[in-house]
Amino acid sequence: MTNNSEKLERSSKRLEDGYRMAMETEEIGQNVLNNLAQDREKINNARNRLNNVDSTLTQSSRLLNNMYRRVIQNKAMMFVIGLIIVVIIVLALYGMFK
């Protein structure tokens, strides 16, 4: 009879060890899932920030292109005005010496 009770005791201990191991495994799994959820949230936040930066860069690029176009237009205008002034001076000098 002691042999049976020893077997029963060993089986009970094994069951308890198995249950404890299952609980530890469940706890570890839950921690892993929590970490993954936090990492996913961080990745989503980073993606949103990246999209915002991309949008801002696109707007900045458009603004810089417009500014560059205006600089080119202003230089062309200054060249035309300078050319007109030179032509007027040459015509005035020609008229004075003729």
PDB file of N, CA and C in Angstrom:
ATOM      1  N   MET A   1       0.821  -1.184   0.000  1.00  0.00           N
ATOM      2  CA  MET A   1       0.000   0.000   0.000  1.00  0.00           C
ATOM      3  C   MET A   1       0.868   1.251   0.000  1.00  0.00           C
ATOM      4  N   THR A   2       1.999   1.176   0.670  1.00  0.00           N
ATOM      5  CA  THR A   2       2.870   2.339   0.664  1.00  0.00           C
ATOM      6  C   THR A   2       3.399   2.603  -0.731  1.00  0.00           C
ATOM      7  N   ASN A   3       3.541   1.562  -1.513  1.00  0.00           N
ATOM      8  CA  ASN A   3       4.009   1.721  -2.881  1.00  0.00           C
ATOM      9  C   ASN A   3       2.993   2.523  -3.697  1.00  0.00           C
ATOM     10  N   ASN A   4       1.721   2.223  -3.490  1.00  0.00           N
ATOM     11  CA  ASN A   4       0.663   2.946  -4.200  1.00  0.00           C
ATOM     12  C   ASN A   4       0.608   4.400  -3.749  1.00  0.00           C
ATOM     13  N   SER A   5       0.739   4.636  -2.449  1.00  0.00           N
ATOM     14  CA  SER A   5       0.698   6.020  -1.980  1.00  0.00           C
ATOM     15  C   SER A   5       1.916   6.795  -2.438  1.00  0.00           C
ATOM     16  N   GLU A   6       3.071   6.114  -2.544  1.00  0.00           N
ATOM     17  CA  GLU A   6       4.247   6.797  -3.076  1.00  0.00           C
ATOM     18  C   GLU A   6       4.036   7.174  -4.537  1.00  0.00           C
ATOM     19  N   LYS A   7       3.456   6.231  -5.309  1.00  0.00           N
ATOM     20  CA  LYS A   7       3.170   6.513  -6.708  1.00  0.00           C
ATOM     21  C   LYS A   7       2.180   7.668  -6.824  1.00  0.00           C
ATOM     22  N   LEU A   8       1.173   7.644  -5.987  1.00  0.00           N
ATOM     23  CA  LEU A   8       0.171   8.713  -6.009  1.00  0.00           C
ATOM     24  C   LEU A   8       0.804  10.041  -5.638  1.00  0.00           C
ATOM     25  N   GLU A   9       1.673  10.015  -4.636  1.00  0.00           N
ATOM     26  CA  GLU A   9       2.360  11.237  -4.211  1.00  0.00           C
ATOM     27  C   GLU A   9       3.263  11.769  -5.329  1.00  0.00           C
ATOM     28  N   ARG A  10       4.022  10.870  -5.980  1.00  0.00           N
ATOM     29  CA  ARG A  10       4.890  11.284  -7.088  1.00  0.00           C
ATOM     30  C   ARG A  10       4.065  11.842  -8.244  1.00  0.00           C
ATOM     31  N   SER A  11       2.960  11.187  -8.538  1.00  0.00           N
ATOM     32  CA  SER A  11       2.091  11.661  -9.624  1.00  0.00           C
ATOM     33  C   SER A  11       1.517  13.034  -9.293  1.00  0.00           C
ATOM     34  N   SER A  12       1.127  13.213  -8.040  1.00  0.00           N
ATOM     35  CA  SER A  12       0.600  14.512  -7.607  1.00  0.00           C
ATOM     36  C   SER A  12       1.664  15.586  -7.737  1.00  0.00           C
ATOM     37  N   LYS A  13       2.896  15.240  -7.329  1.00  0.00           N
ATOM     38  CA  LYS A  13       3.993  16.205  -7.428  1.00  0.00           C
ATOM     39  C   LYS A  13       4.253  16.559  -8.890  1.00  0.00           C
ATOM     40  N   ARG A  14       4.220  15.541  -9.753  1.00  0.00           N
ATOM     41  CA  ARG A  14       4.434  15.793 -11.183  1.00  0.00           C
ATOM     42  C   ARG A  14       3.325  16.685 -11.738  1.00  0.00           C
ATOM     43  N   LEU A  15       2.101  16.416 -11.319  1.00  0.00           N
ATOM     44  CA  LEU A  15       0.973  17.241 -11.772  1.00  0.00           C
ATOM     45  C   LEU A  15       1.136  18.678 -11.302  1.00  0.00           C
ATOM     46  N   GLU A  16       1.537  18.829 -10.046  1.00  0.00           N
ATOM     47  CA  GLU A  16       1.750  20.184  -9.515  1.00  0.00           C
ATOM     48  C   GLU A  16       2.891  20.884 -10.262  1.00  0.00           C
ATOM     49  N   ASP A  17       3.970  20.164 -10.518  1.00  0.00           N
ATOM     50  CA  ASP A  17       5.091  20.745 -11.267  1.00  0.00           C
ATOM     51  C   ASP A  17       4.647  21.136 -12.682  1.00  0.00           C
ATOM     52  N   GLY A  18       3.892  20.252 -13.305  1.00  0.00           N
ATOM     53  CA  GLY A  18       3.381  20.537 -14.649  1.00  0.00           C
ATOM     54  C   GLY A  18       2.464  21.751 -14.649  1.00  0.00           C
ATOM     55  N   TYR A  19       1.590  21.831 -13.642  1.00  0.00           N
ATOM     56  CA  TYR A  19       0.677  22.973 -13.538  1.00  0.00           C
ATOM     57  C   TYR A  19       1.455  24.278 -13.322  1.00  0.00           C
ATOM     58  N   ARG A  20       2.454  24.206 -12.423  1.00  0.00           N
ATOM     59  CA  ARG A  20       3.280  25.396 -12.170  1.00  0.00           C
ATOM     60  C   ARG A  20       4.022  25.821 -13.438  1.00  0.00           C
ATOM     61  N   MET A  21       4.551  24.827 -14.163  1.00  0.00           N
ATOM     62  CA  MET A  21       5.260  25.131 -15.399  1.00  0.00           C
ATOM     63  C   MET A  21       4.299  25.737 -16.432  1.00  0.00           C
ATOM     64  N   ALA A  22       3.094  25.212 -16.508  1.00  0.00           N
ATOM     65  CA  ALA A  22       2.098  25.755 -17.434  1.00  0.00           C
ATOM     66  C   ALA A  22       1.751  27.194 -17.057  1.00  0.00           C
ATOM     67  N   MET A  23       1.630  27.485 -15.770  1.00  0.00           N
ATOM     68  CA  MET A  23       1.319  28.844 -15.315  1.00  0.00           C
ATOM     69  C   MET A  23       2.473  29.796 -15.634  1.00  0.00           C
ATOM     70  N   GLU A  24       3.714  29.333 -15.422  1.00  0.00           N
ATOM     71  CA  GLU A  24       4.876  30.162 -15.744  1.00  0.00           C
ATOM     72  C   GLU A  24       4.944  30.434 -17.244  1.00  0.00           C
ATOM     73  N   THR A  25       4.667  29.398 -18.026  1.00  0.00           N
ATOM     74  CA  THR A  25       4.681  29.552 -19.479  1.00  0.00           C
ATOM     75  C   THR A  25       3.598  30.534 -19.921  1.00  0.00           C
ATOM     76  N   GLU A  26       2.436  30.443 -19.307  1.00  0.00           N
ATOM     77  CA  GLU A  26       1.351  31.375 -19.635  1.00  0.00           C
ATOM     78  C   GLU A  26       1.743  32.813 -19.283  1.00  0.00           C
ATOM     79  N   GLU A  27       2.380  32.982 -18.123  1.00  0.00           N
ATOM     80  CA  GLU A  27       2.821  34.317 -17.706  1.00  0.00           C
ATOM     81  C   GLU A  27       3.868  34.870 -18.672  1.00  0.00           C
ATOM     82  N   ILE A  28       4.818  34.030 -19.067  1.00  0.00           N
ATOM     83  CA  ILE A  28       5.845  34.464 -20.027  1.00  0.00           C
ATOM     84  C   ILE A  28       5.182  34.828 -21.354  1.00  0.00           C
ATOM     85  N   GLY A  29       4.254  34.001 -21.800  1.00  0.00           N
ATOM     86  CA  GLY A  29       3.531  34.287 -23.048  1.00  0.00           C
ATOM     87  C   GLY A  29       2.777  35.600 -22.971  1.00  0.00           C
ATOM     88  N   GLN A  30       2.151  35.865 -21.841  1.00  0.00           N
ATOM     89  CA  GLN A  30       1.413  37.117 -21.662  1.00  0.00           C
ATOM     90  C   GLN A  30       2.362  38.311 -21.701  1.00  0.00           C
ATOM     91  N   ASN A  31       3.530  38.166 -21.067  1.00  0.00           N
ATOM     92  CA  ASN A  31       4.528  39.239 -21.100  1.00  0.00           C
ATOM     93  C   ASN A  31       5.014  39.493 -22.522  1.00  0.00           C
ATOM     94  N   VAL A  32       5.238  38.416 -23.274  1.00  0.00           N
ATOM     95  CA  VAL A  32       5.682  38.557 -24.668  1.00  0.00           C
ATOM     96  C   VAL A  32       4.602  39.279 -25.483  1.00  0.00           C
ATOM     97  N   LEU A  33       3.353  38.898 -25.297  1.00  0.00           N
ATOM     98  CA  LEU A  33       2.256  39.559 -26.014  1.00  0.00           C
ATOM     99  C   LEU A  33       2.161  41.035 -25.649  1.00  0.00           C
ATOM    100  N   ASN A  34       2.337  41.366 -24.376  1.00  0.00           N
ATOM    101  CA  ASN A  34       2.316  42.770 -23.952  1.00  0.00           C
ATOM    102  C   ASN A  34       3.452  43.555 -24.592  1.00  0.00           C
ATOM    103  N   ASN A  35       4.659  42.951 -24.617  1.00  0.00           N
ATOM    104  CA  ASN A  35       5.798  43.617 -25.256  1.00  0.00           C
ATOM    105  C   ASN A  35       5.558  43.823 -26.743  1.00  0.00           C
ATOM    106  N   LEU A  36       4.989  42.828 -27.390  1.00  0.00           N
ATOM    107  CA  LEU A  36       4.691  42.955 -28.820  1.00  0.00           C
ATOM    108  C   LEU A  36       3.667  44.057 -29.079  1.00  0.00           C
ATOM    109  N   ALA A  37       2.677  44.155 -28.216  1.00  0.00           N
ATOM    110  CA  ALA A  37       1.666  45.210 -28.375  1.00  0.00           C
ATOM    111  C   ALA A  37       2.306  46.592 -28.210  1.00  0.00           C
ATOM    112  N   GLN A  38       3.190  46.721 -27.235  1.00  0.00           N
ATOM    113  CA  GLN A  38       3.882  47.999 -27.035  1.00  0.00           C
ATOM    114  C   GLN A  38       4.771  48.327 -28.226  1.00  0.00           C
ATOM    115  N   ASP A  39       5.471  47.324 -28.731  1.00  0.00           N
ATOM    116  CA  ASP A  39       6.332  47.543 -29.898  1.00  0.00           C
ATOM    117  C   ASP A  39       5.505  47.950 -31.119  1.00  0.00           C
ATOM    118  N   ARG A  40       4.352  47.319 -31.304  1.00  0.00           N
ATOM    119  CA  ARG A  40       3.478  47.669 -32.421  1.00  0.00           C
ATOM    120  C   ARG A  40       3.012  49.115 -32.306  1.00  0.00           C
ATOM    121  N   GLU A  41       2.677  49.533 -31.097  1.00  0.00           N
ATOM    122  CA  GLU A  41       2.253  50.918 -30.886  1.00  0.00           C
ATOM    123  C   GLU A  41       3.399  51.888 -31.207  1.00  0.00           C
ATOM    124  N   LYS A  42       4.611  51.541 -30.783  1.00  0.00           N
ATOM    125  CA  LYS A  42       5.771  52.388 -31.080  1.00  0.00           C
ATOM    126  C   LYS A  42       6.007  52.471 -32.583  1.00  0.00           C
ATOM    127  N   ILE A  43       5.891  51.344 -33.271  1.00  0.00           N
ATOM    128  CA  ILE A  43       6.091  51.333 -34.722  1.00  0.00           C
ATOM    129  C   ILE A  43       5.028  52.172 -35.412  1.00  0.00           C
ATOM    130  N   ASN A  44       3.783  52.054 -34.976  1.00  0.00           N
ATOM    131  CA  ASN A  44       2.709  52.858 -35.576  1.00  0.00           C
ATOM    132  C   ASN A  44       2.942  54.348 -35.337  1.00  0.00           C
ATOM    133  N   ASN A  45       3.388  54.705 -34.137  1.00  0.00           N
ATOM    134  CA  ASN A  45       3.680  56.111 -33.846  1.00  0.00           C
ATOM    135  C   ASN A  45       4.820  56.618 -34.717  1.00  0.00           C
ATOM    136  N   ALA A  46       5.846  55.788 -34.872  1.00  0.00           N
ATOM    137  CA  ALA A  46       6.976  56.184 -35.726  1.00  0.00           C
ATOM    138  C   ALA A  46       6.524  56.346 -37.169  1.00  0.00           C
ATOM    139  N   ARG A  47       5.670  55.455 -37.645  1.00  0.00           N
ATOM    140  CA  ARG A  47       5.153  55.544 -39.016  1.00  0.00           C
ATOM    141  C   ARG A  47       4.344  56.826 -39.197  1.00  0.00           C
ATOM    142  N   ASN A  48       3.530  57.167 -38.206  1.00  0.00           N
ATOM    143  CA  ASN A  48       2.739  58.404 -38.296  1.00  0.00           C
ATOM    144  C   ASN A  48       3.644  59.630 -38.322  1.00  0.00           C
ATOM    145  N   ARG A  49       4.684  59.622 -37.479  1.00  0.00           N
ATOM    146  CA  ARG A  49       5.625  60.749 -37.488  1.00  0.00           C
ATOM    147  C   ARG A  49       6.348  60.843 -38.826  1.00  0.00           C
ATOM    148  N   LEU A  50       6.709  59.701 -39.381  1.00  0.00           N
ATOM    149  CA  LEU A  50       7.387  59.678 -40.678  1.00  0.00           C
ATOM    150  C   LEU A  50       6.473  60.237 -41.766  1.00  0.00           C
ATOM    151  N   ASN A  51       5.207  59.875 -41.730  1.00  0.00           N
ATOM    152  CA  ASN A  51       4.254  60.412 -42.711  1.00  0.00           C
ATOM    153  C   ASN A  51       4.106  61.923 -42.563  1.00  0.00           C
ATOM    154  N   ASN A  52       4.082  62.405 -41.317  1.00  0.00           N
ATOM    155  CA  ASN A  52       3.990  63.850 -41.085  1.00  0.00           C
ATOM    156  C   ASN A  52       5.232  64.564 -41.606  1.00  0.00           C
ATOM    157  N   VAL A  53       6.393  63.981 -41.359  1.00  0.00           N
ATOM    158  CA  VAL A  53       7.639  64.584 -41.838  1.00  0.00           C
ATOM    159  C   VAL A  53       7.658  64.596 -43.362  1.00  0.00           C
ATOM    160  N   ASP A  54       7.211  63.506 -43.975  1.00  0.00           N
ATOM    161  CA  ASP A  54       7.175  63.427 -45.435  1.00  0.00           C
ATOM    162  C   ASP A  54       6.257  64.496 -46.004  1.00  0.00           C
ATOM    163  N   SER A  55       5.103  64.680 -45.384  1.00  0.00           N
ATOM    164  CA  SER A  55       4.164  65.709 -45.825  1.00  0.00           C
ATOM    165  C   SER A  55       4.776  67.096 -45.697  1.00  0.00           C
ATOM    166  N   THR A  56       5.434  67.334 -44.576  1.00  0.00           N
ATOM    167  CA  THR A  56       6.067  68.633 -44.352  1.00  0.00           C
ATOM    168  C   THR A  56       7.197  68.868 -45.349  1.00  0.00           C
ATOM    169  N   LEU A  57       7.975  67.839 -45.640  1.00  0.00           N
ATOM    170  CA  LEU A  57       9.053  67.960 -46.619  1.00  0.00           C
ATOM    171  C   LEU A  57       8.503  68.255 -48.009  1.00  0.00           C
ATOM    172  N   THR A  58       7.388  67.646 -48.354  1.00  0.00           N
ATOM    173  CA  THR A  58       6.771  67.905 -49.658  1.00  0.00           C
ATOM    174  C   THR A  58       6.341  69.361 -49.754  1.00  0.00           C
ATOM    175  N   GLN A  59       5.717  69.869 -48.704  1.00  0.00           N
ATOM    176  CA  GLN A  59       5.298  71.270 -48.694  1.00  0.00           C
ATOM    177  C   GLN A  59       6.512  72.194 -48.769  1.00  0.00           C
ATOM    178  N   SER A  60       7.559  71.868 -48.040  1.00  0.00           N
ATOM    179  CA  SER A  60       8.771  72.692 -48.053  1.00  0.00           C
ATOM    180  C   SER A  60       9.409  72.686 -49.434  1.00  0.00           C
ATOM    181  N   SER A  61       9.416  71.532 -50.068  1.00  0.00           N
ATOM    182  CA  SER A  61       9.995  71.419 -51.408  1.00  0.00           C
ATOM    183  C   SER A  61       9.219  72.283 -52.394  1.00  0.00           C
ATOM    184  N   ARG A  62       7.899  72.240 -52.318  1.00  0.00           N
ATOM    185  CA  ARG A  62       7.077  73.090 -53.199  1.00  0.00           C
ATOM    186  C   ARG A  62       7.360  74.568 -52.955  1.00  0.00           C
ATOM    187  N   LEU A  63       7.453  74.943 -51.698  1.00  0.00           N
ATOM    188  CA  LEU A  63       7.720  76.335 -51.350  1.00  0.00           C
ATOM    189  C   LEU A  63       9.080  76.779 -51.882  1.00  0.00           C
ATOM    190  N   LEU A  64      10.106  75.945 -51.710  1.00  0.00           N
ATOM    191  CA  LEU A  64      11.434  76.282 -52.213  1.00  0.00           C
ATOM    192  C   LEU A  64      11.447  76.377 -53.736  1.00  0.00           C
ATOM    193  N   ASN A  65      10.731  75.498 -54.406  1.00  0.00           N
ATOM    194  CA  ASN A  65      10.655  75.565 -55.869  1.00  0.00           C
ATOM    195  C   ASN A  65       9.995  76.867 -56.322  1.00  0.00           C
ATOM    196  N   ASN A  66       8.936  77.265 -55.632  1.00  0.00           N
ATOM    197  CA  ASN A  66       8.274  78.539 -55.958  1.00  0.00           C
ATOM    198  C   ASN A  66       9.216  79.719 -55.728  1.00  0.00           C
ATOM    199  N   MET A  67       9.945  79.669 -54.618  1.00  0.00           N
ATOM    200  CA  MET A  67      10.889  80.754 -54.325  1.00  0.00           C
ATOM    201  C   MET A  67      11.983  80.809 -55.391  1.00  0.00           C
ATOM    202  N   TYR A  68      12.496  79.656 -55.800  1.00  0.00           N
ATOM    203  CA  TYR A  68      13.539  79.611 -56.827  1.00  0.00           C
ATOM    204  C   TYR A  68      13.016  80.161 -58.155  1.00  0.00           C
ATOM    205  N   ARG A  69      11.787  79.807 -58.505  1.00  0.00           N
ATOM    206  CA  ARG A  69      11.159  80.321 -59.724  1.00  0.00           C
ATOM    207  C   ARG A  69      11.051  81.844 -59.675  1.00  0.00           C
ATOM    208  N   ARG A  70      10.667  82.376 -58.529  1.00  0.00           N
ATOM    209  CA  ARG A  70      10.568  83.833 -58.380  1.00  0.00           C
ATOM    210  C   ARG A  70      11.935  84.500 -58.492  1.00  0.00           C
ATOM    211  N   VAL A  71      12.968  83.866 -57.936  1.00  0.00           N
ATOM    212  CA  VAL A  71      14.327  84.420 -58.049  1.00  0.00           C
ATOM    213  C   VAL A  71      14.725  84.490 -59.521  1.00  0.00           C
ATOM    214  N   ILE A  72      14.474  83.424 -60.262  1.00  0.00           N
ATOM    215  CA  ILE A  72      14.796  83.401 -61.695  1.00  0.00           C
ATOM    216  C   ILE A  72      14.004  84.482 -62.439  1.00  0.00           C
ATOM    217  N   GLN A  73      12.723  84.615 -62.107  1.00  0.00           N
ATOM    218  CA  GLN A  73      11.894  85.647 -62.754  1.00  0.00           C
ATOM    219  C   GLN A  73      12.428  87.039 -62.434  1.00  0.00           C
ATOM    220  N   ASN A  74      12.803  87.274 -61.176  1.00  0.00           N
ATOM    221  CA  ASN A  74      13.333  88.589 -60.791  1.00  0.00           C
ATOM    222  C   ASN A  74      14.648  88.886 -61.511  1.00  0.00           C
ATOM    223  N   LYS A  75      15.525  87.887 -61.628  1.00  0.00           N
ATOM    224  CA  LYS A  75      16.780  88.095 -62.348  1.00  0.00           C
ATOM    225  C   LYS A  75      16.512  88.408 -63.823  1.00  0.00           C
ATOM    226  N   ALA A  76      15.578  87.697 -64.430  1.00  0.00           N
ATOM    227  CA  ALA A  76      15.241  87.946 -65.835  1.00  0.00           C
ATOM    228  C   ALA A  76      14.667  89.349 -65.986  1.00  0.00           C
ATOM    229  N   MET A  77      13.798  89.745 -65.060  1.00  0.00           N
ATOM    230  CA  MET A  77      13.214  91.086 -65.103  1.00  0.00           C
ATOM    231  C   MET A  77      14.290  92.151 -64.969  1.00  0.00           C
ATOM    232  N   MET A  78      15.231  91.950 -64.031  1.00  0.00           N
ATOM    233  CA  MET A  78      16.319  92.910 -63.840  1.00  0.00           C
ATOM    234  C   MET A  78      17.185  92.999 -65.104  1.00  0.00           C
ATOM    235  N   PHE A  79      17.421  91.867 -65.750  1.00  0.00           N
ATOM    236  CA  PHE A  79      18.196  91.863 -66.981  1.00  0.00           C
ATOM    237  C   PHE A  79      17.476  92.644 -68.076  1.00  0.00           C
ATOM    238  N   VAL A  80      16.171  92.421 -68.224  1.00  0.00           N
ATOM    239  CA  VAL A  80      15.380  93.129 -69.244  1.00  0.00           C
ATOM    240  C   VAL A  80      15.372  94.626 -68.949  1.00  0.00           C
ATOM    241  N   ILE A  81      15.140  94.999 -67.680  1.00  0.00           N
ATOM    242  CA  ILE A  81      15.121  96.422 -67.313  1.00  0.00           C
ATOM    243  C   ILE A  81      16.492  97.044 -67.569  1.00  0.00           C
ATOM    244  N   GLY A  82      17.566  96.353 -67.203  1.00  0.00           N
ATOM    245  CA  GLY A  82      18.923  96.852 -67.459  1.00  0.00           C
ATOM    246  C   GLY A  82      19.177  97.015 -68.947  1.00  0.00           C
ATOM    247  N   LEU A  83      18.725  96.053 -69.733  1.00  0.00           N
ATOM    248  CA  LEU A  83      18.891  96.130 -71.183  1.00  0.00           C
ATOM    249  C   LEU A  83      18.118  97.322 -71.749  1.00  0.00           C
ATOM    250  N   ILE A  84      16.913  97.553 -71.269  1.00  0.00           N
ATOM    251  CA  ILE A  84      16.118  98.697 -71.732  1.00  0.00           C
ATOM    252  C   ILE A  84      16.820 100.002 -71.369  1.00  0.00           C
ATOM    253  N   ILE A  85      17.352 100.093 -70.162  1.00  0.00           N
ATOM    254  CA  ILE A  85      18.055 101.309 -69.738  1.00  0.00           C
ATOM    255  C   ILE A  85      19.276 101.545 -70.622  1.00  0.00           C
ATOM    256  N   VAL A  86      20.034 100.489 -70.907  1.00  0.00           N
ATOM    257  CA  VAL A  86      21.211 100.622 -71.768  1.00  0.00           C
ATOM    258  C   VAL A  86      20.795 101.083 -73.161  1.00  0.00           C
ATOM    259  N   VAL A  87      19.719 100.524 -73.708  1.00  0.00           N
ATOM    260  CA  VAL A  87      19.235 100.925 -75.035  1.00  0.00           C
ATOM    261  C   VAL A  87      18.819 102.394 -75.016  1.00  0.00           C
ATOM    262  N   ILE A  88      18.127 102.821 -73.954  1.00  0.00           N
ATOM    263  CA  ILE A  88      17.692 104.224 -73.857  1.00  0.00           C
ATOM    264  C   ILE A  88      18.906 105.143 -73.782  1.00  0.00           C
ATOM    265  N   ILE A  89      19.919 104.766 -72.996  1.00  0.00           N
ATOM    266  CA  ILE A  89      21.129 105.589 -72.884  1.00  0.00           C
ATOM    267  C   ILE A  89      21.842 105.670 -74.233  1.00  0.00           C
ATOM    268  N   VAL A  90      21.953 104.521 -74.920  1.00  0.00           N
ATOM    269  CA  VAL A  90      22.610 104.513 -76.235  1.00  0.00           C
ATOM    270  C   VAL A  90      21.831 105.380 -77.219  1.00  0.00           C
ATOM    271  N   LEU A  91      20.516 105.293 -77.203  1.00  0.00           N
ATOM    272  CA  LEU A  91      19.690 106.107 -78.103  1.00  0.00           C
ATOM    273  C   LEU A  91      19.813 107.597 -77.754  1.00  0.00           C
ATOM    274  N   ALA A  92      19.863 107.887 -76.456  1.00  0.00           N
ATOM    275  CA  ALA A  92      19.997 109.286 -76.041  1.00  0.00           C
ATOM    276  C   ALA A  92      21.351 109.831 -76.488  1.00  0.00           C
ATOM    277  N   LEU A  93      22.413 109.040 -76.291  1.00  0.00           N
ATOM    278  CA  LEU A  93      23.729 109.478 -76.720  1.00  0.00           C
ATOM    279  C   LEU A  93      23.797 109.628 -78.256  1.00  0.00           C
ATOM    280  N   TYR A  94      23.182 108.734 -78.954  1.00  0.00           N
ATOM    281  CA  TYR A  94      23.159 108.791 -80.411  1.00  0.00           C
ATOM    282  C   TYR A  94      22.423 110.058 -80.874  1.00  0.00           C
ATOM    283  N   GLY A  95      21.311 110.338 -80.186  1.00  0.00           N
ATOM    284  CA  GLY A  95      20.538 111.529 -80.539  1.00  0.00           C
ATOM    285  C   GLY A  95      21.293 112.801 -80.210  1.00  0.00           C
ATOM    286  N   MET A  96      22.092 112.792 -79.157  1.00  0.00           N
ATOM    287  CA  MET A  96      22.829 113.990 -78.781  1.00  0.00           C
ATOM    288  C   MET A  96      23.983 114.268 -79.751  1.00  0.00           C
ATOM    289  N   PHE A  97      24.608 113.240 -80.254  1.00  0.00           N
ATOM    290  CA  PHE A  97      25.776 113.434 -81.123  1.00  0.00           C
ATOM    291  C   PHE A  97      25.397 113.457 -82.604  1.00  0.00           C
ATOM    292  N   LYS A  98      24.204 113.296 -82.934  1.00  0.00           N
ATOM    293  CA  LYS A  98      23.801 113.312 -84.331  1.00  0.00           C
ATOM    294  C   LYS A  98      23.504 114.643 -84.850  1.00  0.00           C
TER     295      LYS A  98
END
